[in-house]
Amino acid sequence: MEERSRLGLLDFVGIFDKLEKALAFDSGDVSGVVKDIEVLKQRFVELMKLGKSDYLVLLKGKKMDKAVEAVLEHFKNEDERQEFYGFFKELSNIYEILSPDAFLRQYIEDFDTLARMFRILREAFEPGIMVDREFARKTADLVKKHTHSGKIRSVLEVYEINENTLKKIEESNASDTEHVFNLLKSIGLDVEKNKGLNPYLVSIGDKAELISMLYKQRQKDTKETLEELKDLLVEINEAKKEQKERRMSSEEFSVYWLLKEEDISEAKEKAKGMKNVFEKFPHWKTSQEHERGLKREILKTFTREKMEPKRAVSLVSKILLMLKEASE
């Protein structure tokens, strides 16, 4: 359909959002509404046929775990993903107008499946977006109604990050592709939730974002990506355990962990005393004077340990950036 025609159909969303207004129309207006509704029904049928041939075919003959894998793998391609988003938004807009027309009954199952595909793709590839807000009311109600049924899951699974997470993954029937996206979401949520008390998680979160970007750009395969994410799980658990054992302050341990990750020799010794330094400049996040003082003190600590000045300056910048991001 030509772009102009498609835009014209989308305009109906605004015009007929509240169909009860038709009661105030004269007979000519009502006739026009009925005619336009029939046009929308015709377009809905066309879109559902397209959805069946181009998208639902991806799920044919697959169990739920393999269905999720097929969708996530197929739509790694950005262009195809954006095309599907545009397709579904037009389809759901028309659904909002027509529902609860009995005409829709024969299409409900397929429409629900397409809605689930849309939701899990947005959650997997655009994690910063509030997916539920993108669904119009009737579409959201339909997906919620069929939460425990359907041909494909509509949400990613969130793992609690602890020493049992790897075992849970190994025992799961989910595909490696699904594990990758589940772990990306789980690590992201864990970092966001706990970075305030554990700033070192910011650097781990940065690693996860880099892994995610390379995977979605097809620069890393699924197996390699999954192993790297498992390594991050191990790193998170090791860091939490070591922090308890060393009984260091949050800032002190985070500096130590960053230095350790940067392969700085005697990281523990260099991080010692950071608690006193931060206590000396408690307002460094809001005061430029305190921030300058903090930088000088950390630089002194590093240079006393005979660290190369250029390297020391770079590390101070990384440390402060990590701690600032953790407080946001």
Protein backbone atom coordinates (compact mmCIF):
# COMPACT_ATOMS: atom_id res chain seq x y z
CA MET A 1 0.00 0.00 0.00
CA GLU A 2 1.29 3.46 -0.81
CA GLU A 3 2.64 5.49 2.13
CA ARG A 4 -0.09 8.13 1.70
CA SER A 5 -2.80 5.49 1.92
CA ARG A 6 -1.19 3.92 4.96
CA LEU A 7 -0.98 7.26 6.74
CA GLY A 8 -4.59 7.88 5.90
CA LEU A 9 -5.58 4.67 7.61
CA LEU A 10 -3.52 5.53 10.66
CA ASP A 11 -5.42 8.82 10.91
CA PHE A 12 -8.51 6.81 11.76
CA VAL A 13 -6.98 6.09 15.15
CA GLY A 14 -7.45 9.69 16.16
CA ILE A 15 -10.73 10.19 14.37
CA PHE A 16 -12.52 7.13 15.75
CA ASP A 17 -10.76 6.65 19.11
CA LYS A 18 -14.11 7.19 20.81
CA LEU A 19 -16.72 5.70 18.52
CA GLU A 20 -19.53 6.66 20.82
CA LYS A 21 -19.23 10.15 19.35
CA ALA A 22 -20.89 8.71 16.26
CA LEU A 23 -24.18 8.92 18.16
CA ALA A 24 -24.03 12.68 17.79
CA PHE A 25 -23.57 12.50 13.99
CA ASP A 26 -26.35 12.95 11.47
CA SER A 27 -27.28 10.05 9.21
CA GLY A 28 -24.69 11.02 6.60
CA ASP A 29 -21.93 11.05 9.20
CA VAL A 30 -22.96 7.65 10.57
CA SER A 31 -22.97 6.21 7.06
CA GLY A 32 -19.47 7.55 6.55
CA VAL A 33 -18.29 5.99 9.81
CA VAL A 34 -19.68 2.59 8.84
CA LYS A 35 -18.00 2.79 5.45
CA ASP A 36 -14.66 3.74 7.01
CA ILE A 37 -14.92 0.91 9.54
CA GLU A 38 -15.34 -1.53 6.66
CA VAL A 39 -12.17 -0.10 5.09
CA LEU A 40 -10.34 -0.67 8.36
CA LYS A 41 -11.58 -4.25 8.54
CA GLN A 42 -10.30 -4.86 5.03
CA ARG A 43 -6.91 -3.41 5.94
CA PHE A 44 -6.82 -5.48 9.14
CA VAL A 45 -7.39 -8.66 7.11
CA GLU A 46 -4.59 -7.68 4.72
CA LEU A 47 -2.18 -7.09 7.60
CA MET A 48 -3.09 -10.35 9.32
CA LYS A 49 -2.41 -12.25 6.10
CA LEU A 50 0.96 -10.51 5.89
CA GLY A 51 1.63 -11.31 9.52
CA LYS A 52 0.86 -14.97 8.96
CA SER A 53 3.04 -15.34 5.88
CA ASP A 54 6.01 -13.18 6.98
CA TYR A 55 6.16 -13.48 10.77
CA LEU A 56 4.02 -16.23 12.28
CA VAL A 57 5.67 -18.69 9.90
CA LEU A 58 8.82 -18.31 12.05
CA LEU A 59 7.05 -20.20 14.85
CA LYS A 60 5.57 -23.03 12.78
CA GLY A 61 6.22 -26.44 14.33
CA LYS A 62 8.29 -25.01 17.21
CA LYS A 63 7.86 -25.40 20.94
CA MET A 64 7.82 -22.25 23.08
CA ASP A 65 11.57 -22.16 23.86
CA LYS A 66 12.50 -22.70 20.21
CA ALA A 67 9.89 -20.15 19.14
CA VAL A 68 11.57 -17.47 21.27
CA GLU A 69 14.96 -18.44 19.85
CA ALA A 70 13.67 -18.26 16.26
CA VAL A 71 12.21 -14.78 16.76
CA LEU A 72 15.26 -13.35 18.52
CA GLU A 73 17.64 -14.78 15.93
CA HIS A 74 15.59 -13.66 12.93
CA PHE A 75 15.16 -10.10 14.12
CA LYS A 76 18.79 -9.41 14.95
CA ASN A 77 18.66 -7.63 11.60
CA GLU A 78 17.84 -4.00 12.44
CA ASP A 79 15.99 -3.26 9.19
CA GLU A 80 13.73 -6.30 9.51
CA ARG A 81 13.07 -5.49 13.15
CA GLN A 82 12.05 -1.91 12.40
CA GLU A 83 9.82 -3.10 9.56
CA PHE A 84 8.06 -5.47 11.96
CA TYR A 85 7.63 -2.71 14.54
CA GLY A 86 5.95 -0.50 11.93
CA PHE A 87 3.76 -3.38 10.76
CA PHE A 88 2.57 -4.23 14.26
CA LYS A 89 1.91 -0.65 15.32
CA GLU A 90 -0.41 -0.15 12.35
CA LEU A 91 -2.10 -3.49 13.07
CA SER A 92 -2.59 -2.75 16.78
CA ASN A 93 -3.93 0.75 16.06
CA ILE A 94 -6.66 -0.74 13.88
CA TYR A 95 -7.34 -3.44 16.49
CA GLU A 96 -7.93 -0.72 19.11
CA ILE A 97 -10.60 0.84 16.91
CA LEU A 98 -12.37 -2.36 15.92
CA SER A 99 -12.35 -4.20 19.25
CA PRO A 100 -14.61 -5.72 20.56
CA ASP A 101 -16.19 -6.37 17.15
CA ALA A 102 -17.08 -10.06 16.70
CA PHE A 103 -15.27 -9.84 13.37
CA LEU A 104 -11.96 -10.05 15.31
CA ARG A 105 -12.61 -13.41 17.00
CA GLN A 106 -11.08 -15.49 14.23
CA TYR A 107 -7.88 -13.40 14.41
CA ILE A 108 -7.42 -13.12 18.20
CA GLU A 109 -4.95 -15.99 18.61
CA ASP A 110 -2.68 -14.83 15.79
CA PHE A 111 -2.92 -11.18 16.87
CA ASP A 112 -1.98 -12.15 20.42
CA THR A 113 1.05 -14.06 19.11
CA LEU A 114 2.18 -11.07 17.04
CA ALA A 115 1.77 -8.84 20.10
CA ARG A 116 3.95 -11.21 22.14
CA MET A 117 6.59 -11.17 19.42
CA PHE A 118 6.55 -7.37 19.44
CA ARG A 119 6.86 -7.21 23.22
CA ILE A 120 9.74 -9.64 23.61
CA LEU A 121 11.66 -8.00 20.75
CA ARG A 122 11.33 -4.56 22.27
CA GLU A 123 12.40 -5.93 25.65
CA ALA A 124 15.40 -7.75 24.19
CA PHE A 125 16.71 -5.19 21.69
CA GLU A 126 15.51 -1.89 23.20
CA PRO A 127 15.88 -2.51 26.96
CA GLY A 128 15.64 1.18 27.88
CA ILE A 129 12.06 1.44 26.59
CA MET A 130 9.01 0.95 28.82
CA VAL A 131 7.44 -1.75 26.68
CA ASP A 132 4.06 -1.86 28.43
CA ARG A 133 3.52 1.83 27.71
CA GLU A 134 3.82 1.14 23.99
CA PHE A 135 0.80 -1.15 24.04
CA ALA A 136 -2.59 0.48 23.67
CA ARG A 137 -5.11 -0.50 26.33
CA LYS A 138 -7.01 -3.27 24.52
CA THR A 139 -3.84 -4.88 23.17
CA ALA A 140 -2.25 -4.83 26.63
CA ASP A 141 -5.39 -6.38 28.15
CA LEU A 142 -5.35 -9.16 25.56
CA VAL A 143 -1.69 -10.07 26.22
CA LYS A 144 -2.26 -10.06 30.00
CA LYS A 145 -5.34 -12.26 29.59
CA HIS A 146 -3.25 -14.90 27.80
CA THR A 147 -0.16 -14.60 30.04
CA HIS A 148 0.11 -18.32 30.71
CA SER A 149 -0.83 -19.52 27.26
CA GLY A 150 0.13 -18.73 23.72
CA LYS A 151 2.72 -19.92 21.23
CA ILE A 152 5.55 -17.71 22.49
CA ARG A 153 6.52 -16.04 25.74
CA SER A 154 6.02 -12.29 25.83
CA VAL A 155 8.71 -11.47 28.42
CA LEU A 156 12.31 -12.41 29.13
CA GLU A 157 13.09 -14.38 32.25
CA VAL A 158 14.95 -12.55 35.00
CA TYR A 159 17.54 -14.51 36.96
CA GLU A 160 18.48 -13.58 40.50
CA ILE A 161 22.26 -13.11 40.43
CA ASN A 162 23.84 -15.38 43.03
CA GLU A 163 26.02 -18.48 43.34
CA ASN A 164 23.16 -20.70 42.08
CA THR A 165 22.46 -18.80 38.85
CA LEU A 166 24.86 -20.78 36.66
CA LYS A 167 23.39 -24.05 37.88
CA LYS A 168 19.89 -22.80 37.11
CA ILE A 169 20.96 -21.91 33.57
CA GLU A 170 22.55 -25.31 33.00
CA GLU A 171 19.37 -27.07 34.16
CA SER A 172 17.05 -24.89 32.05
CA ASN A 173 15.49 -26.04 28.79
CA ALA A 174 15.76 -22.57 27.29
CA SER A 175 17.89 -22.12 24.19
CA ASP A 176 21.32 -20.47 24.33
CA THR A 177 19.92 -17.46 22.48
CA GLU A 178 17.22 -17.03 25.10
CA HIS A 179 19.82 -17.43 27.87
CA VAL A 180 21.87 -14.62 26.33
CA PHE A 181 19.00 -12.14 26.37
CA ASN A 182 17.80 -13.31 29.79
CA LEU A 183 21.29 -12.77 31.21
CA LEU A 184 21.69 -9.37 29.59
CA LYS A 185 18.45 -8.24 31.20
CA SER A 186 19.25 -9.86 34.56
CA ILE A 187 22.74 -8.39 34.79
CA GLY A 188 21.45 -4.97 33.74
CA LEU A 189 18.76 -5.01 36.43
CA ASP A 190 21.21 -6.23 39.09
CA VAL A 191 23.68 -3.46 38.24
CA GLU A 192 21.00 -0.76 38.24
CA LYS A 193 19.54 -1.96 41.54
CA ASN A 194 22.79 -2.40 43.47
CA LYS A 195 25.32 0.02 41.95
CA GLY A 196 24.61 2.68 44.57
CA LEU A 197 25.98 0.44 47.33
CA ASN A 198 28.43 -1.42 45.08
CA PRO A 199 29.92 1.06 42.55
CA TYR A 200 32.23 -1.58 41.07
CA LEU A 201 29.11 -3.00 39.40
CA VAL A 202 29.19 -0.04 37.00
CA SER A 203 32.31 -1.40 35.29
CA ILE A 204 30.73 -4.85 35.07
CA GLY A 205 27.60 -3.29 33.58
CA ASP A 206 29.76 -1.51 30.99
CA LYS A 207 31.25 -4.86 29.99
CA ALA A 208 27.77 -6.35 29.63
CA GLU A 209 26.68 -3.45 27.39
CA LEU A 210 29.72 -3.94 25.15
CA ILE A 211 29.03 -7.67 24.89
CA SER A 212 25.39 -6.90 24.08
CA MET A 213 26.31 -4.43 21.35
CA LEU A 214 28.76 -6.80 19.67
CA TYR A 215 26.26 -9.66 19.83
CA LYS A 216 23.38 -7.66 18.38
CA GLN A 217 25.67 -6.45 15.61
CA ARG A 218 26.55 -10.09 14.87
CA GLN A 219 30.22 -9.56 15.71
CA LYS A 220 29.99 -12.33 18.30
CA ASP A 221 28.12 -15.62 18.01
CA THR A 222 25.69 -16.94 20.59
CA LYS A 223 28.00 -19.49 22.19
CA GLU A 224 30.85 -17.01 22.67
CA THR A 225 28.47 -14.37 24.04
CA LEU A 226 26.87 -16.78 26.49
CA GLU A 227 30.27 -17.82 27.87
CA GLU A 228 31.31 -14.19 28.33
CA LEU A 229 28.08 -13.42 30.19
CA LYS A 230 28.61 -16.45 32.42
CA ASP A 231 32.07 -15.05 33.19
CA LEU A 232 30.42 -11.80 34.25
CA LEU A 233 28.15 -13.76 36.60
CA VAL A 234 31.21 -15.32 38.18
CA GLU A 235 32.84 -11.87 38.46
CA ILE A 236 29.80 -10.37 40.20
CA ASN A 237 29.63 -13.22 42.71
CA GLU A 238 33.38 -13.15 43.34
CA ALA A 239 33.31 -9.40 43.90
CA LYS A 240 30.44 -9.62 46.40
CA LYS A 241 32.18 -12.42 48.28
CA GLU A 242 35.57 -10.68 48.34
CA GLN A 243 34.05 -7.40 49.51
CA LYS A 244 32.60 -9.14 52.54
CA GLU A 245 35.87 -10.90 53.27
CA ARG A 246 38.05 -7.77 53.00
CA ARG A 247 35.65 -5.59 54.98
CA MET A 248 36.48 -2.56 52.88
CA SER A 249 34.27 0.51 52.46
CA SER A 250 32.19 0.72 49.31
CA GLU A 251 34.45 3.31 47.66
CA GLU A 252 37.65 1.63 48.79
CA PHE A 253 36.65 -1.78 47.47
CA SER A 254 35.36 -0.35 44.19
CA VAL A 255 38.72 1.37 43.62
CA TYR A 256 40.49 -1.88 44.44
CA TRP A 257 38.29 -3.85 42.04
CA LEU A 258 38.80 -1.40 39.21
CA LEU A 259 42.58 -1.43 39.71
CA LYS A 260 42.52 -5.21 39.78
CA GLU A 261 40.52 -5.28 36.52
CA GLU A 262 43.06 -2.89 34.98
CA ASP A 263 45.86 -5.33 35.90
CA ILE A 264 47.49 -2.81 38.23
CA SER A 265 50.07 -4.50 40.44
CA GLU A 266 49.48 -4.42 44.21
CA ALA A 267 45.93 -3.18 43.69
CA LYS A 268 45.02 -3.84 47.32
CA GLU A 269 47.85 -1.70 48.64
CA LYS A 270 47.09 1.13 46.25
CA ALA A 271 43.43 1.11 47.27
CA LYS A 272 44.23 1.24 50.98
CA GLY A 273 43.48 4.55 52.58
CA MET A 274 40.86 5.51 49.99
CA LYS A 275 38.23 5.57 52.71
CA ASN A 276 40.08 8.40 54.49
CA VAL A 277 40.56 10.27 51.19
CA PHE A 278 36.85 10.19 50.38
CA GLU A 279 35.96 11.17 53.94
CA LYS A 280 38.26 14.17 53.61
CA PHE A 281 36.28 15.40 50.57
CA PRO A 282 32.69 14.29 51.28
CA HIS A 283 31.11 16.74 48.81
CA TRP A 284 33.27 15.89 45.80
CA LYS A 285 30.22 15.00 43.68
CA THR A 286 28.72 18.48 44.01
CA SER A 287 31.70 20.68 44.83
CA GLN A 288 34.37 21.39 42.21
CA GLU A 289 36.80 22.33 44.98
CA HIS A 290 36.28 19.01 46.73
CA GLU A 291 36.54 17.13 43.45
CA ARG A 292 39.87 18.79 42.64
CA GLY A 293 41.13 17.98 46.11
CA LEU A 294 40.03 14.37 45.80
CA LYS A 295 41.79 14.00 42.45
CA ARG A 296 45.03 15.40 43.90
CA GLU A 297 44.94 13.02 46.87
CA ILE A 298 44.29 9.94 44.74
CA LEU A 299 47.03 10.99 42.31
CA LYS A 300 49.43 11.37 45.22
CA THR A 301 48.54 7.88 46.41
CA PHE A 302 49.21 6.40 42.98
CA THR A 303 52.40 8.31 42.27
CA ARG A 304 53.80 7.37 45.67
CA GLU A 305 53.41 3.81 44.47
CA LYS A 306 55.57 4.76 41.47
CA MET A 307 52.75 4.58 38.95
CA GLU A 308 53.37 6.31 35.62
CA PRO A 309 51.74 9.81 35.78
CA LYS A 310 49.78 9.40 32.54
CA ARG A 311 48.44 6.06 33.72
CA ALA A 312 47.59 7.52 37.13
CA VAL A 313 45.58 10.40 35.60
CA SER A 314 43.63 7.99 33.39
CA LEU A 315 42.77 5.75 36.35
CA VAL A 316 41.64 8.67 38.51
CA SER A 317 39.22 9.71 35.75
CA LYS A 318 37.87 6.15 35.48
CA ILE A 319 37.44 5.90 39.25
CA LEU A 320 35.49 9.15 39.55
CA LEU A 321 33.36 8.36 36.51
CA MET A 322 32.48 4.96 37.96
CA LEU A 323 31.50 6.44 41.31
CA LYS A 324 29.46 9.23 39.72
CA GLU A 325 27.55 6.78 37.51
CA ALA A 326 26.85 4.63 40.57
CA SER A 327 25.18 7.56 42.34
CA GLU A 328 22.89 8.48 39.43
